[in-house]
Amino acid sequence: MSDKNNVLPLFLHTYTVFSAAHELRMMANGSCGSLTWVANYSCFVPVSVPWDYPVNRVFWVNGSVVGGNANFGIFDRAGKRIYAVGSTVTAGASAPQFTTPTPFLLPAGEYFFAYAASGTTNVASGTALYTLELLKMGGVLSQASNLALANPATLAISSQALYPYCGVTRTVSGF
């Protein structure tokens, strides 16, 4: 970056000012916790990236029970997959789980951060306090039966009031 006063955030995720949750959280007074997920349901959260962002790792936050697999991906607003981890065994209850892709630069733009899980009870962390109406207002979309995060995604209005905690980081290790 040319302006030394601008510093890229360490993390971009579904609860930052750059995501749908920023405004939704204030309206729903929501907080994070374990979610009862719908097996193989994928949630697509709109995220604005105002600068090119170096992605060194991606993550999601597991719920209080680990079991089954999860997947994280990045999609453009038309539903074209830019990146996906692939189905990954969950590990670490109530903790962030990081995966390390080949580092890449995510160009400034509008994206969806996508999360899917194969398990159900308490396997994800996020909030279920948002109503379907709030998710619609925030532009959150979904796809059923989509653990693989198909390319292209068949984006639809959310059918479940679920909102995951997931994102990317420019850090190479630790927090």
N, C-alpha and C. Protein backbone atom coordinates (compact mmCIF):
# COMPACT_ATOMS: atom_id res chain seq x y z
N MET A 1 0.84 -1.18 0.00
CA MET A 1 0.00 0.00 0.00
C MET A 1 0.88 1.23 0.00
N SER A 2 0.46 2.23 -0.73
CA SER A 2 1.29 3.42 -0.83
C SER A 2 1.12 4.38 0.34
N ASP A 3 -0.01 4.36 0.99
CA ASP A 3 -0.25 5.27 2.12
C ASP A 3 0.13 4.57 3.41
N LYS A 4 1.19 5.06 4.07
CA LYS A 4 1.68 4.39 5.27
C LYS A 4 0.69 4.47 6.44
N ASN A 5 -0.33 5.32 6.34
CA ASN A 5 -1.33 5.42 7.41
C ASN A 5 -2.43 4.38 7.27
N ASN A 6 -2.51 3.71 6.14
CA ASN A 6 -3.49 2.65 5.93
C ASN A 6 -2.85 1.31 6.22
N VAL A 7 -3.41 0.58 7.12
CA VAL A 7 -2.88 -0.72 7.48
C VAL A 7 -3.95 -1.78 7.22
N LEU A 8 -3.58 -2.80 6.48
CA LEU A 8 -4.53 -3.89 6.23
C LEU A 8 -4.86 -4.59 7.54
N PRO A 9 -6.13 -4.93 7.75
CA PRO A 9 -6.46 -5.69 8.96
C PRO A 9 -5.84 -7.08 8.90
N LEU A 10 -5.55 -7.64 10.06
CA LEU A 10 -5.00 -8.99 10.10
C LEU A 10 -5.99 -10.02 9.59
N PHE A 11 -7.28 -9.78 9.88
CA PHE A 11 -8.33 -10.73 9.52
C PHE A 11 -9.45 -10.02 8.78
N LEU A 12 -10.03 -10.69 7.80
CA LEU A 12 -11.29 -10.29 7.17
C LEU A 12 -12.23 -11.45 7.40
N HIS A 13 -13.35 -11.20 8.03
CA HIS A 13 -14.26 -12.31 8.31
C HIS A 13 -15.70 -11.83 8.30
N THR A 14 -16.59 -12.74 8.56
CA THR A 14 -18.02 -12.46 8.43
C THR A 14 -18.58 -11.61 9.57
N TYR A 15 -17.74 -11.21 10.51
CA TYR A 15 -18.18 -10.32 11.59
C TYR A 15 -17.45 -8.98 11.58
N THR A 16 -16.74 -8.65 10.50
CA THR A 16 -16.05 -7.38 10.43
C THR A 16 -16.95 -6.31 9.83
N VAL A 17 -16.49 -5.09 9.88
CA VAL A 17 -17.21 -3.97 9.30
C VAL A 17 -17.38 -4.14 7.79
N PHE A 18 -16.60 -5.02 7.18
CA PHE A 18 -16.65 -5.24 5.74
C PHE A 18 -17.66 -6.31 5.33
N SER A 19 -18.43 -6.82 6.29
CA SER A 19 -19.39 -7.89 6.00
C SER A 19 -20.81 -7.48 6.34
N ALA A 20 -21.75 -8.33 5.94
CA ALA A 20 -23.17 -8.08 6.20
C ALA A 20 -23.46 -8.02 7.70
N ALA A 21 -22.70 -8.72 8.50
CA ALA A 21 -23.00 -8.83 9.94
C ALA A 21 -22.83 -7.54 10.71
N HIS A 22 -22.01 -6.65 10.20
CA HIS A 22 -21.76 -5.42 10.94
C HIS A 22 -23.07 -4.70 11.28
N GLU A 23 -23.89 -4.48 10.28
CA GLU A 23 -25.18 -3.83 10.51
C GLU A 23 -26.20 -4.79 11.12
N LEU A 24 -26.19 -6.04 10.68
CA LEU A 24 -27.15 -7.00 11.19
C LEU A 24 -27.00 -7.22 12.69
N ARG A 25 -25.75 -7.27 13.16
CA ARG A 25 -25.51 -7.53 14.58
C ARG A 25 -26.14 -6.45 15.44
N MET A 26 -26.06 -5.21 14.99
CA MET A 26 -26.66 -4.13 15.77
C MET A 26 -28.19 -4.25 15.78
N MET A 27 -28.76 -4.70 14.67
CA MET A 27 -30.22 -4.83 14.61
C MET A 27 -30.71 -6.03 15.41
N ALA A 28 -29.93 -7.11 15.43
CA ALA A 28 -30.38 -8.34 16.10
C ALA A 28 -29.77 -8.50 17.48
N ASN A 29 -28.85 -7.61 17.84
CA ASN A 29 -28.15 -7.71 19.12
C ASN A 29 -27.54 -9.11 19.25
N GLY A 30 -26.92 -9.56 18.16
CA GLY A 30 -26.41 -10.93 18.10
C GLY A 30 -24.99 -11.08 18.62
N SER A 31 -24.71 -12.27 19.07
CA SER A 31 -23.36 -12.63 19.49
C SER A 31 -23.06 -14.02 18.95
N CYS A 32 -21.79 -14.41 19.00
CA CYS A 32 -21.39 -15.72 18.48
C CYS A 32 -21.59 -16.81 19.51
N GLY A 33 -21.87 -18.00 19.02
CA GLY A 33 -21.98 -19.18 19.85
C GLY A 33 -22.14 -20.39 18.97
N SER A 34 -22.27 -21.56 19.56
CA SER A 34 -22.43 -22.79 18.78
C SER A 34 -23.78 -22.81 18.09
N LEU A 35 -23.78 -23.32 16.87
CA LEU A 35 -25.00 -23.38 16.06
C LEU A 35 -25.40 -24.82 15.78
N THR A 36 -26.68 -25.06 15.71
CA THR A 36 -27.18 -26.31 15.16
C THR A 36 -27.31 -26.08 13.67
N TRP A 37 -26.36 -26.62 12.92
CA TRP A 37 -26.28 -26.42 11.48
C TRP A 37 -27.18 -27.41 10.77
N VAL A 38 -27.48 -27.17 9.54
CA VAL A 38 -28.22 -28.10 8.70
C VAL A 38 -27.19 -28.82 7.84
N ALA A 39 -27.16 -30.14 7.90
CA ALA A 39 -26.12 -30.91 7.20
C ALA A 39 -26.00 -30.52 5.74
N ASN A 40 -24.77 -30.22 5.33
CA ASN A 40 -24.40 -29.90 3.96
C ASN A 40 -24.97 -28.58 3.44
N TYR A 41 -25.53 -27.79 4.32
CA TYR A 41 -26.06 -26.46 3.97
C TYR A 41 -24.89 -25.50 3.83
N SER A 42 -24.89 -24.71 2.76
CA SER A 42 -23.84 -23.70 2.59
C SER A 42 -24.45 -22.31 2.67
N CYS A 43 -23.75 -21.45 3.39
CA CYS A 43 -24.17 -20.08 3.62
C CYS A 43 -23.17 -19.15 2.93
N PHE A 44 -23.66 -18.16 2.21
CA PHE A 44 -22.83 -17.22 1.46
C PHE A 44 -23.03 -15.81 2.03
N VAL A 45 -21.99 -15.29 2.67
CA VAL A 45 -22.06 -13.99 3.33
C VAL A 45 -21.36 -12.94 2.48
N PRO A 46 -22.05 -11.85 2.13
CA PRO A 46 -21.41 -10.80 1.34
C PRO A 46 -20.31 -10.09 2.14
N VAL A 47 -19.18 -9.89 1.47
CA VAL A 47 -18.04 -9.20 2.07
C VAL A 47 -17.47 -8.24 1.04
N SER A 48 -17.21 -7.02 1.47
CA SER A 48 -16.57 -6.02 0.61
C SER A 48 -15.10 -5.94 0.99
N VAL A 49 -14.24 -6.04 0.00
CA VAL A 49 -12.80 -5.94 0.22
C VAL A 49 -12.34 -4.67 -0.49
N PRO A 50 -12.05 -3.60 0.28
CA PRO A 50 -11.73 -2.31 -0.34
C PRO A 50 -10.32 -2.17 -0.88
N TRP A 51 -9.47 -3.19 -0.69
CA TRP A 51 -8.09 -3.16 -1.17
C TRP A 51 -7.69 -4.58 -1.52
N ASP A 52 -6.64 -4.70 -2.30
CA ASP A 52 -6.10 -6.03 -2.57
C ASP A 52 -5.65 -6.61 -1.24
N TYR A 53 -6.01 -7.87 -0.99
CA TYR A 53 -5.74 -8.46 0.32
C TYR A 53 -4.95 -9.77 0.15
N PRO A 54 -3.76 -9.87 0.75
CA PRO A 54 -2.98 -11.11 0.65
C PRO A 54 -3.55 -12.18 1.58
N VAL A 55 -3.99 -13.28 1.01
CA VAL A 55 -4.57 -14.37 1.79
C VAL A 55 -3.50 -15.43 2.02
N ASN A 56 -3.11 -15.60 3.28
CA ASN A 56 -2.13 -16.62 3.64
C ASN A 56 -2.78 -17.82 4.33
N ARG A 57 -3.92 -17.58 4.97
CA ARG A 57 -4.66 -18.67 5.61
C ARG A 57 -6.14 -18.33 5.56
N VAL A 58 -6.97 -19.36 5.66
CA VAL A 58 -8.42 -19.18 5.79
C VAL A 58 -8.84 -19.89 7.06
N PHE A 59 -10.01 -19.52 7.57
CA PHE A 59 -10.45 -20.14 8.82
C PHE A 59 -11.96 -20.12 8.96
N TRP A 60 -12.42 -20.95 9.87
CA TRP A 60 -13.80 -20.92 10.38
C TRP A 60 -13.69 -21.23 11.86
N VAL A 61 -14.74 -20.92 12.60
CA VAL A 61 -14.73 -21.20 14.03
C VAL A 61 -15.68 -22.37 14.27
N ASN A 62 -15.13 -23.42 14.86
CA ASN A 62 -15.92 -24.62 15.16
C ASN A 62 -16.83 -24.37 16.35
N GLY A 63 -17.90 -25.12 16.41
CA GLY A 63 -18.80 -25.06 17.55
C GLY A 63 -18.26 -25.89 18.70
N SER A 64 -19.11 -26.13 19.68
CA SER A 64 -18.68 -26.84 20.89
C SER A 64 -18.50 -28.34 20.68
N VAL A 65 -18.96 -28.84 19.54
CA VAL A 65 -18.81 -30.25 19.20
C VAL A 65 -18.14 -30.33 17.83
N VAL A 66 -17.05 -31.08 17.74
CA VAL A 66 -16.45 -31.28 16.42
C VAL A 66 -16.83 -32.66 15.92
N GLY A 67 -17.06 -32.75 14.67
CA GLY A 67 -17.45 -34.00 14.05
C GLY A 67 -17.88 -33.71 12.64
N GLY A 68 -17.51 -34.55 11.75
CA GLY A 68 -17.84 -34.32 10.36
C GLY A 68 -16.84 -33.39 9.70
N ASN A 69 -17.25 -32.83 8.59
CA ASN A 69 -16.36 -31.99 7.78
C ASN A 69 -16.94 -30.60 7.60
N ALA A 70 -16.05 -29.67 7.26
CA ALA A 70 -16.45 -28.31 6.94
C ALA A 70 -15.73 -27.89 5.67
N ASN A 71 -16.22 -26.84 5.06
CA ASN A 71 -15.60 -26.28 3.86
C ASN A 71 -15.77 -24.78 3.90
N PHE A 72 -14.75 -24.07 3.44
CA PHE A 72 -14.79 -22.61 3.32
C PHE A 72 -14.40 -22.25 1.90
N GLY A 73 -15.07 -21.25 1.35
CA GLY A 73 -14.74 -20.80 0.01
C GLY A 73 -14.98 -19.32 -0.18
N ILE A 74 -14.46 -18.81 -1.27
CA ILE A 74 -14.67 -17.42 -1.67
C ILE A 74 -15.27 -17.46 -3.06
N PHE A 75 -16.36 -16.72 -3.24
CA PHE A 75 -17.08 -16.67 -4.52
C PHE A 75 -17.24 -15.23 -4.95
N ASP A 76 -17.30 -15.01 -6.28
CA ASP A 76 -17.64 -13.68 -6.74
C ASP A 76 -19.15 -13.51 -6.62
N ARG A 77 -19.65 -12.33 -6.87
CA ARG A 77 -21.08 -12.06 -6.66
C ARG A 77 -21.97 -12.78 -7.67
N ALA A 78 -21.40 -13.31 -8.73
CA ALA A 78 -22.18 -14.08 -9.70
C ALA A 78 -22.24 -15.57 -9.33
N GLY A 79 -21.53 -15.96 -8.27
CA GLY A 79 -21.54 -17.35 -7.83
C GLY A 79 -20.39 -18.18 -8.34
N LYS A 80 -19.41 -17.54 -9.00
CA LYS A 80 -18.24 -18.28 -9.48
C LYS A 80 -17.25 -18.45 -8.33
N ARG A 81 -16.83 -19.69 -8.13
CA ARG A 81 -15.89 -19.98 -7.05
C ARG A 81 -14.49 -19.50 -7.42
N ILE A 82 -13.90 -18.75 -6.51
CA ILE A 82 -12.53 -18.26 -6.66
C ILE A 82 -11.58 -19.18 -5.92
N TYR A 83 -12.02 -19.67 -4.78
CA TYR A 83 -11.18 -20.52 -3.93
C TYR A 83 -12.09 -21.35 -3.04
N ALA A 84 -11.68 -22.59 -2.76
CA ALA A 84 -12.34 -23.42 -1.75
C ALA A 84 -11.31 -24.32 -1.11
N VAL A 85 -11.43 -24.50 0.20
CA VAL A 85 -10.54 -25.38 0.95
C VAL A 85 -10.74 -26.82 0.49
N GLY A 86 -11.97 -27.21 0.36
CA GLY A 86 -12.33 -28.61 0.13
C GLY A 86 -12.79 -29.19 1.46
N SER A 87 -13.53 -30.24 1.40
CA SER A 87 -14.08 -30.87 2.60
C SER A 87 -12.95 -31.23 3.56
N THR A 88 -13.01 -30.70 4.79
CA THR A 88 -11.94 -30.84 5.77
C THR A 88 -12.51 -31.33 7.09
N VAL A 89 -11.88 -32.34 7.69
CA VAL A 89 -12.32 -32.84 8.99
C VAL A 89 -12.19 -31.73 10.02
N THR A 90 -13.24 -31.50 10.80
CA THR A 90 -13.18 -30.45 11.82
C THR A 90 -12.36 -30.93 13.02
N ALA A 91 -11.63 -29.98 13.61
CA ALA A 91 -10.78 -30.30 14.76
C ALA A 91 -10.69 -29.07 15.66
N GLY A 92 -10.90 -29.26 16.96
CA GLY A 92 -10.78 -28.17 17.91
C GLY A 92 -12.13 -27.58 18.29
N ALA A 93 -12.72 -28.08 19.36
CA ALA A 93 -14.04 -27.60 19.80
C ALA A 93 -13.95 -26.14 20.25
N SER A 94 -14.95 -25.36 19.85
CA SER A 94 -15.07 -23.94 20.23
C SER A 94 -13.80 -23.16 19.94
N ALA A 95 -13.19 -23.46 18.80
CA ALA A 95 -11.91 -22.84 18.44
C ALA A 95 -11.85 -22.57 16.94
N PRO A 96 -11.05 -21.57 16.56
CA PRO A 96 -10.86 -21.37 15.12
C PRO A 96 -10.05 -22.51 14.53
N GLN A 97 -10.38 -22.86 13.31
CA GLN A 97 -9.63 -23.89 12.58
C GLN A 97 -9.09 -23.24 11.32
N PHE A 98 -7.77 -23.24 11.20
CA PHE A 98 -7.10 -22.61 10.07
C PHE A 98 -6.67 -23.65 9.05
N THR A 99 -6.69 -23.28 7.79
CA THR A 99 -6.06 -24.07 6.74
C THR A 99 -5.17 -23.12 5.95
N THR A 100 -4.14 -23.67 5.36
CA THR A 100 -3.16 -22.84 4.65
C THR A 100 -3.17 -23.17 3.17
N PRO A 101 -3.74 -22.28 2.36
CA PRO A 101 -3.71 -22.48 0.92
C PRO A 101 -2.36 -22.01 0.37
N THR A 102 -2.12 -22.23 -0.90
CA THR A 102 -1.03 -21.53 -1.56
C THR A 102 -1.42 -20.05 -1.48
N PRO A 103 -0.58 -19.20 -0.90
CA PRO A 103 -0.95 -17.80 -0.73
C PRO A 103 -1.41 -17.18 -2.06
N PHE A 104 -2.40 -16.31 -1.96
CA PHE A 104 -2.90 -15.61 -3.15
C PHE A 104 -3.35 -14.21 -2.78
N LEU A 105 -3.49 -13.37 -3.77
CA LEU A 105 -3.94 -12.00 -3.57
C LEU A 105 -5.41 -11.92 -3.98
N LEU A 106 -6.25 -11.53 -3.04
CA LEU A 106 -7.67 -11.34 -3.32
C LEU A 106 -7.84 -9.89 -3.75
N PRO A 107 -8.17 -9.65 -5.02
CA PRO A 107 -8.29 -8.27 -5.49
C PRO A 107 -9.43 -7.53 -4.80
N ALA A 108 -9.30 -6.23 -4.68
CA ALA A 108 -10.38 -5.41 -4.14
C ALA A 108 -11.66 -5.74 -4.90
N GLY A 109 -12.77 -5.85 -4.18
CA GLY A 109 -14.04 -6.16 -4.84
C GLY A 109 -15.08 -6.66 -3.88
N GLU A 110 -16.17 -7.15 -4.44
CA GLU A 110 -17.31 -7.67 -3.70
C GLU A 110 -17.33 -9.18 -3.82
N TYR A 111 -17.43 -9.87 -2.69
CA TYR A 111 -17.35 -11.33 -2.67
C TYR A 111 -18.39 -11.92 -1.73
N PHE A 112 -18.47 -13.24 -1.77
CA PHE A 112 -19.16 -14.01 -0.75
C PHE A 112 -18.12 -14.88 -0.06
N PHE A 113 -18.12 -14.90 1.27
CA PHE A 113 -17.39 -15.91 2.03
C PHE A 113 -18.41 -17.00 2.28
N ALA A 114 -18.08 -18.23 1.89
CA ALA A 114 -19.01 -19.34 1.99
C ALA A 114 -18.53 -20.35 3.02
N TYR A 115 -19.48 -20.91 3.76
CA TYR A 115 -19.18 -21.93 4.75
C TYR A 115 -20.22 -23.03 4.63
N ALA A 116 -19.76 -24.28 4.74
CA ALA A 116 -20.67 -25.43 4.74
C ALA A 116 -20.14 -26.44 5.74
N ALA A 117 -21.04 -27.21 6.32
CA ALA A 117 -20.66 -28.26 7.27
C ALA A 117 -21.51 -29.49 7.03
N SER A 118 -20.89 -30.67 7.26
CA SER A 118 -21.63 -31.92 7.08
C SER A 118 -22.38 -32.31 8.35
N GLY A 119 -21.91 -31.84 9.49
CA GLY A 119 -22.54 -32.19 10.77
C GLY A 119 -23.73 -31.29 11.07
N THR A 120 -24.30 -31.49 12.24
CA THR A 120 -25.47 -30.69 12.60
C THR A 120 -25.30 -30.02 13.96
N THR A 121 -25.49 -30.72 15.05
CA THR A 121 -25.59 -30.10 16.37
C THR A 121 -24.27 -29.50 16.84
N ASN A 122 -24.27 -28.18 17.02
CA ASN A 122 -23.15 -27.42 17.60
C ASN A 122 -21.83 -27.59 16.86
N VAL A 123 -21.85 -27.82 15.56
CA VAL A 123 -20.61 -28.02 14.82
C VAL A 123 -20.00 -26.72 14.30
N ALA A 124 -20.78 -25.66 14.26
CA ALA A 124 -20.30 -24.38 13.74
C ALA A 124 -20.46 -23.31 14.80
N SER A 125 -19.70 -22.25 14.63
CA SER A 125 -19.87 -21.09 15.50
C SER A 125 -20.35 -19.94 14.65
N GLY A 126 -21.22 -19.16 15.19
CA GLY A 126 -21.80 -18.03 14.49
C GLY A 126 -23.00 -17.57 15.28
N THR A 127 -24.03 -17.13 14.58
CA THR A 127 -25.25 -16.75 15.28
C THR A 127 -26.48 -17.25 14.56
N ALA A 128 -27.44 -17.67 15.35
CA ALA A 128 -28.75 -18.06 14.82
C ALA A 128 -29.79 -17.02 15.25
N LEU A 129 -29.32 -15.88 15.77
CA LEU A 129 -30.25 -14.85 16.23
C LEU A 129 -30.81 -14.02 15.08
N TYR A 130 -30.14 -14.05 13.94
CA TYR A 130 -30.64 -13.30 12.80
C TYR A 130 -31.86 -14.01 12.24
N THR A 131 -32.88 -13.27 11.96
CA THR A 131 -34.06 -13.85 11.32
C THR A 131 -33.79 -13.98 9.83
N LEU A 132 -34.60 -14.75 9.15
CA LEU A 132 -34.46 -14.85 7.70
C LEU A 132 -34.63 -13.48 7.05
N GLU A 133 -35.49 -12.65 7.61
CA GLU A 133 -35.70 -11.31 7.06
C GLU A 133 -34.43 -10.47 7.17
N LEU A 134 -33.74 -10.55 8.31
CA LEU A 134 -32.49 -9.81 8.47
C LEU A 134 -31.41 -10.33 7.52
N LEU A 135 -31.35 -11.64 7.35
CA LEU A 135 -30.37 -12.20 6.42
C LEU A 135 -30.65 -11.73 5.00
N LYS A 136 -31.91 -11.68 4.62
CA LYS A 136 -32.27 -11.16 3.29
C LYS A 136 -31.83 -9.72 3.15
N MET A 137 -32.07 -8.91 4.17
CA MET A 137 -31.67 -7.50 4.14
C MET A 137 -30.16 -7.37 3.98
N GLY A 138 -29.40 -8.28 4.57
CA GLY A 138 -27.95 -8.24 4.49
C GLY A 138 -27.38 -8.88 3.24
N GLY A 139 -28.23 -9.46 2.40
CA GLY A 139 -27.76 -10.09 1.16
C GLY A 139 -27.16 -11.46 1.34
N VAL A 140 -27.42 -12.10 2.49
CA VAL A 140 -26.89 -13.44 2.74
C VAL A 140 -27.69 -14.45 1.92
N LEU A 141 -26.97 -15.32 1.21
CA LEU A 141 -27.60 -16.31 0.35
C LEU A 141 -27.21 -17.71 0.81
N SER A 142 -27.76 -18.73 0.16
CA SER A 142 -27.47 -20.10 0.59
C SER A 142 -27.61 -21.06 -0.58
N GLN A 143 -27.21 -22.30 -0.32
CA GLN A 143 -27.44 -23.41 -1.24
C GLN A 143 -27.54 -24.67 -0.41
N ALA A 144 -28.58 -25.44 -0.62
CA ALA A 144 -28.76 -26.71 0.10
C ALA A 144 -27.89 -27.79 -0.53
N SER A 145 -27.57 -28.81 0.24
CA SER A 145 -26.81 -29.98 -0.24
C SER A 145 -25.56 -29.57 -0.99
N ASN A 146 -24.71 -28.76 -0.34
CA ASN A 146 -23.58 -28.17 -1.05
C ASN A 146 -22.31 -28.15 -0.21
N LEU A 147 -21.97 -29.25 0.44
CA LEU A 147 -20.73 -29.30 1.22
C LEU A 147 -19.52 -29.03 0.33
N ALA A 148 -19.58 -29.46 -0.92
CA ALA A 148 -18.45 -29.29 -1.84
C ALA A 148 -18.28 -27.85 -2.32
N LEU A 149 -19.24 -26.98 -2.03
CA LEU A 149 -19.22 -25.60 -2.53
C LEU A 149 -19.06 -25.60 -4.06
N ALA A 150 -20.09 -26.08 -4.72
CA ALA A 150 -20.11 -26.25 -6.17
C ALA A 150 -19.73 -24.97 -6.90
N ASN A 151 -19.14 -25.17 -8.08
CA ASN A 151 -18.76 -24.05 -8.94
C ASN A 151 -19.41 -24.23 -10.30
N PRO A 152 -20.31 -23.33 -10.67
CA PRO A 152 -20.76 -22.16 -9.91
C PRO A 152 -21.78 -22.56 -8.85
N ALA A 153 -21.93 -21.70 -7.88
CA ALA A 153 -22.94 -21.92 -6.84
C ALA A 153 -24.31 -21.58 -7.42
N THR A 154 -25.31 -22.28 -6.93
CA THR A 154 -26.69 -21.95 -7.27
C THR A 154 -27.23 -21.15 -6.09
N LEU A 155 -27.03 -19.86 -6.15
CA LEU A 155 -27.35 -18.98 -5.02
C LEU A 155 -28.85 -18.77 -4.90
N ALA A 156 -29.34 -18.87 -3.68
CA ALA A 156 -30.76 -18.70 -3.40
C ALA A 156 -30.93 -17.91 -2.11
N ILE A 157 -32.11 -17.39 -1.90
CA ILE A 157 -32.41 -16.70 -0.65
C ILE A 157 -32.25 -17.70 0.49
N SER A 158 -31.67 -17.26 1.58
CA SER A 158 -31.41 -18.15 2.72
C SER A 158 -32.69 -18.81 3.19
N SER A 159 -32.59 -20.12 3.43
CA SER A 159 -33.73 -20.87 3.92
C SER A 159 -33.56 -21.24 5.40
N GLN A 160 -32.40 -20.94 5.96
CA GLN A 160 -32.11 -21.22 7.37
C GLN A 160 -31.55 -19.96 8.01
N ALA A 161 -31.94 -19.67 9.22
CA ALA A 161 -31.44 -18.48 9.93
C ALA A 161 -30.10 -18.81 10.59
N LEU A 162 -29.08 -19.04 9.74
CA LEU A 162 -27.75 -19.39 10.21
C LEU A 162 -26.74 -18.42 9.63
N TYR A 163 -25.75 -18.04 10.44
CA TYR A 163 -24.73 -17.09 10.01
C TYR A 163 -23.40 -17.53 10.61
N PRO A 164 -22.46 -18.01 9.78
CA PRO A 164 -21.21 -18.58 10.28
C PRO A 164 -20.13 -17.54 10.56
N TYR A 165 -19.18 -17.91 11.38
CA TYR A 165 -18.00 -17.10 11.65
C TYR A 165 -16.85 -17.73 10.87
N CYS A 166 -16.42 -17.07 9.78
CA CYS A 166 -15.36 -17.60 8.93
C CYS A 166 -14.70 -16.46 8.18
N GLY A 167 -13.51 -16.70 7.66
CA GLY A 167 -12.85 -15.65 6.92
C GLY A 167 -11.44 -15.98 6.48
N VAL A 168 -10.67 -14.93 6.23
CA VAL A 168 -9.30 -15.06 5.74
C VAL A 168 -8.38 -14.21 6.61
N THR A 169 -7.09 -14.51 6.53
CA THR A 169 -6.12 -13.72 7.26
C THR A 169 -4.84 -13.59 6.44
N ARG A 170 -4.15 -12.49 6.66
CA ARG A 170 -2.86 -12.30 6.01
C ARG A 170 -1.72 -12.85 6.88
N THR A 171 -2.05 -13.29 8.10
CA THR A 171 -1.01 -13.87 8.97
C THR A 171 -0.60 -15.25 8.44
N VAL A 172 0.63 -15.62 8.71
CA VAL A 172 1.10 -16.93 8.26
C VAL A 172 1.06 -17.97 9.38
N SER A 173 0.93 -17.51 10.63
CA SER A 173 0.79 -18.43 11.77
C SER A 173 0.26 -17.64 12.96
N GLY A 174 -0.21 -18.38 13.97
CA GLY A 174 -0.75 -17.73 15.17
C GLY A 174 -1.95 -16.87 14.86
N PHE A 175 -2.30 -16.02 15.78
CA PHE A 175 -3.40 -15.07 15.58
C PHE A 175 -2.81 -13.79 15.19
